[in-house]
Amino acid sequence: QVQLVESGGGLVQAGGSLRLSCAASGRTFSSYTMGWFRQAPGKEREFVAAVSWSYGSTYYADSVKGRFTISRDSAKNTVYLQMNTLKPEDTAVYYCAARLRGYSRTTNDYNYWGQGTQVTVSS
């Protein structure tokens, strides 16, 4: 079955950087869109970024555009989220997700989810 395993979260000061990884297994992901979402305490899960596995097209939420970069390594079946210039409002649990077919920002459109990794940004 499909497994998505996130890693790379942690505690960082404002202005710092982290790189999240999502190791994907269980099938060929060439027809998938891979996304990163986040959920802060008391808030709904929100879209952060997505990448088309085949074409490499990328999409970002306005709140992270210019600071975060999503990428994928097909040889390693891994998706990354490079997060720079982190802010306290970026604090959340970050989730990797996979969706068969095209790009979407909607949580319910994604078929598979990882367990999440905590990112905490101190001021």
N, C-alpha and C. Protein backbone atom coordinates (compact mmCIF):
# COMPACT_ATOMS: atom_id res chain seq x y z
N GLN A 1 0.83 -1.18 0.00
CA GLN A 1 0.00 0.00 0.00
C GLN A 1 0.88 1.25 0.00
N VAL A 2 0.27 2.38 -0.29
CA VAL A 2 1.01 3.64 -0.34
C VAL A 2 1.42 4.05 1.07
N GLN A 3 2.68 4.43 1.17
CA GLN A 3 3.19 4.97 2.44
C GLN A 3 3.91 6.29 2.17
N LEU A 4 3.60 7.27 2.97
CA LEU A 4 4.28 8.56 2.92
C LEU A 4 4.85 8.82 4.30
N VAL A 5 6.15 9.01 4.37
CA VAL A 5 6.80 9.19 5.66
C VAL A 5 7.57 10.50 5.66
N GLU A 6 7.12 11.43 6.50
CA GLU A 6 7.77 12.73 6.59
C GLU A 6 8.90 12.72 7.61
N SER A 7 9.87 13.58 7.39
CA SER A 7 10.94 13.78 8.35
C SER A 7 11.51 15.19 8.16
N GLY A 8 12.32 15.61 9.14
CA GLY A 8 13.01 16.89 8.99
C GLY A 8 12.45 18.03 9.81
N GLY A 9 11.35 17.80 10.51
CA GLY A 9 10.80 18.86 11.34
C GLY A 9 11.68 19.13 12.55
N GLY A 10 11.34 20.20 13.27
CA GLY A 10 12.10 20.53 14.46
C GLY A 10 11.83 21.93 14.94
N LEU A 11 12.68 22.39 15.84
CA LEU A 11 12.58 23.73 16.41
C LEU A 11 13.65 24.62 15.78
N VAL A 12 13.23 25.79 15.32
CA VAL A 12 14.16 26.70 14.67
C VAL A 12 13.78 28.12 15.05
N GLN A 13 14.75 29.01 15.07
CA GLN A 13 14.46 30.41 15.36
C GLN A 13 13.92 31.11 14.12
N ALA A 14 13.18 32.16 14.34
CA ALA A 14 12.66 32.95 13.23
C ALA A 14 13.81 33.41 12.33
N GLY A 15 13.59 33.31 11.04
CA GLY A 15 14.62 33.64 10.07
C GLY A 15 15.45 32.46 9.63
N GLY A 16 15.30 31.34 10.33
CA GLY A 16 16.07 30.15 10.02
C GLY A 16 15.44 29.32 8.91
N SER A 17 16.04 28.15 8.67
CA SER A 17 15.62 27.27 7.59
C SER A 17 15.48 25.84 8.07
N LEU A 18 14.61 25.10 7.40
CA LEU A 18 14.45 23.66 7.59
C LEU A 18 14.15 23.04 6.25
N ARG A 19 14.52 21.77 6.09
CA ARG A 19 14.12 21.04 4.90
C ARG A 19 13.35 19.80 5.32
N LEU A 20 12.12 19.71 4.88
CA LEU A 20 11.30 18.55 5.14
C LEU A 20 11.44 17.56 3.99
N SER A 21 11.37 16.28 4.34
CA SER A 21 11.41 15.22 3.34
C SER A 21 10.18 14.35 3.47
N CYS A 22 9.74 13.82 2.34
CA CYS A 22 8.62 12.88 2.31
C CYS A 22 9.03 11.70 1.45
N ALA A 23 9.27 10.57 2.09
CA ALA A 23 9.64 9.35 1.37
C ALA A 23 8.36 8.62 0.99
N ALA A 24 8.19 8.40 -0.31
CA ALA A 24 6.97 7.78 -0.83
C ALA A 24 7.27 6.36 -1.30
N SER A 25 6.37 5.43 -1.01
CA SER A 25 6.55 4.04 -1.44
C SER A 25 5.19 3.40 -1.68
N GLY A 26 5.21 2.28 -2.35
CA GLY A 26 3.99 1.51 -2.53
C GLY A 26 3.43 1.50 -3.94
N ARG A 27 3.88 2.42 -4.77
CA ARG A 27 3.46 2.42 -6.15
C ARG A 27 4.31 3.41 -6.94
N THR A 28 4.06 3.45 -8.24
CA THR A 28 4.72 4.44 -9.09
C THR A 28 3.94 5.73 -9.03
N PHE A 29 4.65 6.82 -8.76
CA PHE A 29 3.97 8.09 -8.52
C PHE A 29 4.00 9.02 -9.71
N SER A 30 4.33 8.52 -10.87
CA SER A 30 4.50 9.40 -12.04
C SER A 30 3.22 10.13 -12.42
N SER A 31 2.07 9.59 -12.08
CA SER A 31 0.79 10.24 -12.42
C SER A 31 0.23 11.05 -11.25
N TYR A 32 1.02 11.22 -10.23
CA TYR A 32 0.53 11.85 -9.01
C TYR A 32 0.98 13.30 -8.89
N THR A 33 0.17 14.04 -8.15
CA THR A 33 0.56 15.34 -7.62
C THR A 33 0.89 15.14 -6.14
N MET A 34 2.03 15.65 -5.72
CA MET A 34 2.44 15.55 -4.33
C MET A 34 2.28 16.92 -3.67
N GLY A 35 1.70 16.92 -2.49
CA GLY A 35 1.45 18.19 -1.83
C GLY A 35 1.98 18.22 -0.41
N TRP A 36 2.22 19.42 0.06
CA TRP A 36 2.51 19.67 1.47
C TRP A 36 1.38 20.53 2.03
N PHE A 37 0.88 20.12 3.17
CA PHE A 37 -0.15 20.87 3.89
C PHE A 37 0.37 21.09 5.31
N ARG A 38 -0.29 22.01 6.02
CA ARG A 38 0.09 22.21 7.42
C ARG A 38 -1.16 22.51 8.24
N GLN A 39 -1.05 22.19 9.53
CA GLN A 39 -2.17 22.44 10.44
C GLN A 39 -1.63 22.96 11.76
N ALA A 40 -2.01 24.18 12.07
CA ALA A 40 -1.64 24.80 13.35
C ALA A 40 -2.72 24.49 14.38
N PRO A 41 -2.38 24.55 15.66
CA PRO A 41 -3.37 24.26 16.71
C PRO A 41 -4.60 25.14 16.57
N GLY A 42 -5.77 24.51 16.58
CA GLY A 42 -7.02 25.25 16.50
C GLY A 42 -7.40 25.74 15.13
N LYS A 43 -6.61 25.38 14.13
CA LYS A 43 -6.89 25.84 12.77
C LYS A 43 -7.10 24.65 11.84
N GLU A 44 -7.71 24.94 10.68
CA GLU A 44 -7.91 23.90 9.69
C GLU A 44 -6.60 23.62 8.95
N ARG A 45 -6.53 22.43 8.40
CA ARG A 45 -5.37 22.08 7.59
C ARG A 45 -5.40 22.92 6.32
N GLU A 46 -4.23 23.46 5.95
CA GLU A 46 -4.17 24.34 4.80
C GLU A 46 -3.08 23.93 3.82
N PHE A 47 -3.31 24.27 2.57
CA PHE A 47 -2.38 23.98 1.49
C PHE A 47 -1.12 24.84 1.64
N VAL A 48 0.02 24.23 1.38
CA VAL A 48 1.29 24.94 1.41
C VAL A 48 1.92 24.97 0.01
N ALA A 49 2.09 23.79 -0.58
CA ALA A 49 2.76 23.70 -1.87
C ALA A 49 2.45 22.36 -2.51
N ALA A 50 2.60 22.29 -3.82
CA ALA A 50 2.39 21.03 -4.54
C ALA A 50 3.32 20.97 -5.74
N VAL A 51 3.60 19.74 -6.16
CA VAL A 51 4.45 19.52 -7.33
C VAL A 51 3.88 18.37 -8.14
N SER A 52 3.89 18.54 -9.45
CA SER A 52 3.52 17.46 -10.35
C SER A 52 4.71 16.54 -10.50
N TRP A 53 4.50 15.25 -10.20
CA TRP A 53 5.64 14.34 -10.21
C TRP A 53 6.22 14.21 -11.62
N SER A 54 5.39 14.15 -12.61
CA SER A 54 5.89 13.95 -13.97
C SER A 54 6.54 15.20 -14.55
N TYR A 55 5.86 16.34 -14.41
CA TYR A 55 6.30 17.54 -15.11
C TYR A 55 7.13 18.49 -14.24
N GLY A 56 7.04 18.30 -12.94
CA GLY A 56 7.79 19.18 -12.05
C GLY A 56 7.17 20.54 -11.85
N SER A 57 5.95 20.73 -12.35
CA SER A 57 5.26 22.01 -12.14
C SER A 57 5.01 22.22 -10.65
N THR A 58 5.20 23.44 -10.19
CA THR A 58 5.07 23.72 -8.76
C THR A 58 4.01 24.78 -8.49
N TYR A 59 3.43 24.70 -7.32
CA TYR A 59 2.35 25.60 -6.92
C TYR A 59 2.55 25.94 -5.44
N TYR A 60 2.24 27.17 -5.07
CA TYR A 60 2.48 27.62 -3.69
C TYR A 60 1.31 28.44 -3.16
N ALA A 61 1.12 28.33 -1.86
CA ALA A 61 0.23 29.27 -1.19
C ALA A 61 0.90 30.64 -1.16
N ASP A 62 0.09 31.68 -1.21
CA ASP A 62 0.65 33.04 -1.21
C ASP A 62 1.51 33.29 0.02
N SER A 63 1.14 32.69 1.14
CA SER A 63 1.83 32.95 2.40
C SER A 63 3.26 32.42 2.43
N VAL A 64 3.60 31.50 1.52
CA VAL A 64 4.95 30.91 1.52
C VAL A 64 5.71 31.19 0.24
N LYS A 65 5.06 31.79 -0.72
CA LYS A 65 5.70 32.04 -2.01
C LYS A 65 6.94 32.90 -1.82
N GLY A 66 8.04 32.47 -2.43
CA GLY A 66 9.29 33.20 -2.29
C GLY A 66 10.14 32.76 -1.12
N ARG A 67 9.56 32.00 -0.20
CA ARG A 67 10.30 31.51 0.97
C ARG A 67 10.46 29.99 0.96
N PHE A 68 9.45 29.29 0.46
CA PHE A 68 9.47 27.82 0.44
C PHE A 68 9.66 27.34 -1.00
N THR A 69 10.33 26.18 -1.12
CA THR A 69 10.52 25.56 -2.43
C THR A 69 10.21 24.08 -2.33
N ILE A 70 9.32 23.60 -3.18
CA ILE A 70 9.00 22.18 -3.24
C ILE A 70 9.74 21.56 -4.41
N SER A 71 10.22 20.35 -4.21
CA SER A 71 10.92 19.64 -5.28
C SER A 71 10.75 18.15 -5.10
N ARG A 72 11.10 17.39 -6.13
CA ARG A 72 11.04 15.93 -6.00
C ARG A 72 12.26 15.31 -6.64
N ASP A 73 12.64 14.16 -6.08
CA ASP A 73 13.76 13.38 -6.58
C ASP A 73 13.18 12.02 -6.97
N SER A 74 13.01 11.81 -8.27
CA SER A 74 12.38 10.58 -8.74
C SER A 74 13.22 9.35 -8.41
N ALA A 75 14.52 9.48 -8.43
CA ALA A 75 15.39 8.34 -8.15
C ALA A 75 15.23 7.86 -6.72
N LYS A 76 14.95 8.80 -5.82
CA LYS A 76 14.78 8.45 -4.41
C LYS A 76 13.32 8.35 -4.00
N ASN A 77 12.40 8.63 -4.90
CA ASN A 77 10.97 8.65 -4.58
C ASN A 77 10.69 9.54 -3.38
N THR A 78 11.28 10.69 -3.39
CA THR A 78 11.20 11.60 -2.24
C THR A 78 10.82 13.00 -2.70
N VAL A 79 9.96 13.63 -1.91
CA VAL A 79 9.56 15.01 -2.14
C VAL A 79 10.12 15.85 -1.00
N TYR A 80 10.58 17.03 -1.34
CA TYR A 80 11.19 17.91 -0.34
C TYR A 80 10.42 19.22 -0.24
N LEU A 81 10.51 19.83 0.94
CA LEU A 81 10.02 21.19 1.12
C LEU A 81 11.13 21.97 1.83
N GLN A 82 11.81 22.80 1.06
CA GLN A 82 12.83 23.67 1.63
C GLN A 82 12.16 24.93 2.14
N MET A 83 12.32 25.20 3.42
CA MET A 83 11.65 26.33 4.05
C MET A 83 12.71 27.31 4.55
N ASN A 84 12.70 28.50 3.99
CA ASN A 84 13.65 29.54 4.37
C ASN A 84 12.91 30.73 4.98
N THR A 85 13.66 31.57 5.67
CA THR A 85 13.10 32.77 6.29
C THR A 85 11.83 32.42 7.08
N LEU A 86 11.94 31.43 7.91
CA LEU A 86 10.79 30.95 8.66
C LEU A 86 10.29 32.00 9.64
N LYS A 87 8.97 31.99 9.82
CA LYS A 87 8.30 32.94 10.72
C LYS A 87 7.55 32.15 11.80
N PRO A 88 7.28 32.77 12.94
CA PRO A 88 6.51 32.07 13.99
C PRO A 88 5.16 31.56 13.47
N GLU A 89 4.56 32.25 12.54
CA GLU A 89 3.26 31.80 12.01
C GLU A 89 3.38 30.58 11.10
N ASP A 90 4.59 30.15 10.80
CA ASP A 90 4.79 28.90 10.06
C ASP A 90 4.73 27.68 10.98
N THR A 91 4.64 27.91 12.27
CA THR A 91 4.57 26.82 13.24
C THR A 91 3.32 25.98 13.00
N ALA A 92 3.51 24.67 12.81
CA ALA A 92 2.40 23.77 12.51
C ALA A 92 2.93 22.35 12.38
N VAL A 93 2.01 21.41 12.31
CA VAL A 93 2.35 20.07 11.86
C VAL A 93 2.25 20.07 10.34
N TYR A 94 3.30 19.61 9.69
CA TYR A 94 3.36 19.60 8.23
C TYR A 94 3.12 18.17 7.74
N TYR A 95 2.22 18.05 6.77
CA TYR A 95 1.83 16.77 6.22
C TYR A 95 2.16 16.68 4.74
N CYS A 96 2.64 15.52 4.34
CA CYS A 96 2.83 15.19 2.94
C CYS A 96 1.59 14.45 2.46
N ALA A 97 1.18 14.70 1.22
CA ALA A 97 -0.01 14.07 0.68
C ALA A 97 0.19 13.76 -0.80
N ALA A 98 -0.54 12.77 -1.28
CA ALA A 98 -0.46 12.37 -2.68
C ALA A 98 -1.84 12.33 -3.29
N ARG A 99 -1.93 12.80 -4.52
CA ARG A 99 -3.20 12.83 -5.24
C ARG A 99 -2.98 12.32 -6.65
N LEU A 100 -3.79 11.33 -7.02
CA LEU A 100 -3.74 10.84 -8.39
C LEU A 100 -4.29 11.93 -9.30
N ARG A 101 -3.58 12.20 -10.37
CA ARG A 101 -3.93 13.22 -11.35
C ARG A 101 -3.46 14.59 -10.91
N GLY A 102 -4.23 15.62 -11.31
CA GLY A 102 -3.68 16.96 -11.33
C GLY A 102 -3.69 17.71 -10.03
N TYR A 103 -3.19 18.92 -10.14
CA TYR A 103 -3.01 19.81 -9.03
C TYR A 103 -4.31 20.18 -8.35
N SER A 104 -4.25 20.25 -7.03
CA SER A 104 -5.38 20.74 -6.25
C SER A 104 -4.85 21.33 -4.96
N ARG A 105 -5.55 22.33 -4.44
CA ARG A 105 -5.24 22.90 -3.13
C ARG A 105 -6.18 22.39 -2.05
N THR A 106 -7.10 21.52 -2.46
CA THR A 106 -8.15 21.07 -1.55
C THR A 106 -7.74 19.81 -0.81
N THR A 107 -7.82 19.86 0.49
CA THR A 107 -7.41 18.73 1.33
C THR A 107 -8.12 17.44 0.93
N ASN A 108 -9.41 17.52 0.72
CA ASN A 108 -10.19 16.32 0.45
C ASN A 108 -9.88 15.68 -0.90
N ASP A 109 -9.17 16.39 -1.76
CA ASP A 109 -8.81 15.82 -3.06
C ASP A 109 -7.61 14.89 -3.00
N TYR A 110 -6.93 14.86 -1.86
CA TYR A 110 -5.73 14.04 -1.74
C TYR A 110 -6.08 12.68 -1.14
N ASN A 111 -5.52 11.63 -1.76
CA ASN A 111 -5.91 10.27 -1.42
C ASN A 111 -5.08 9.68 -0.28
N TYR A 112 -3.83 10.10 -0.16
CA TYR A 112 -2.91 9.49 0.79
C TYR A 112 -2.21 10.58 1.59
N TRP A 113 -1.98 10.26 2.86
CA TRP A 113 -1.38 11.21 3.79
C TRP A 113 -0.31 10.55 4.64
N GLY A 114 0.71 11.34 4.98
CA GLY A 114 1.68 10.90 5.95
C GLY A 114 1.22 11.22 7.36
N GLN A 115 2.07 10.89 8.31
CA GLN A 115 1.69 11.05 9.72
C GLN A 115 1.95 12.46 10.24
N GLY A 116 2.73 13.24 9.52
CA GLY A 116 3.01 14.61 9.90
C GLY A 116 4.32 14.77 10.64
N THR A 117 4.90 15.95 10.55
CA THR A 117 6.12 16.28 11.27
C THR A 117 5.97 17.70 11.82
N GLN A 118 6.36 17.88 13.07
CA GLN A 118 6.15 19.17 13.75
C GLN A 118 7.25 20.15 13.37
N VAL A 119 6.83 21.35 13.02
CA VAL A 119 7.75 22.46 12.79
C VAL A 119 7.38 23.57 13.78
N THR A 120 8.34 23.99 14.58
CA THR A 120 8.11 25.05 15.55
C THR A 120 9.13 26.17 15.31
N VAL A 121 8.62 27.37 15.11
CA VAL A 121 9.48 28.52 14.85
C VAL A 121 9.35 29.48 16.03
N SER A 122 10.45 29.71 16.72
CA SER A 122 10.43 30.59 17.88
C SER A 122 10.78 32.02 17.47
N SER A 123 10.19 32.97 18.19
CA SER A 123 10.42 34.38 17.85
C SER A 123 11.60 34.95 18.61
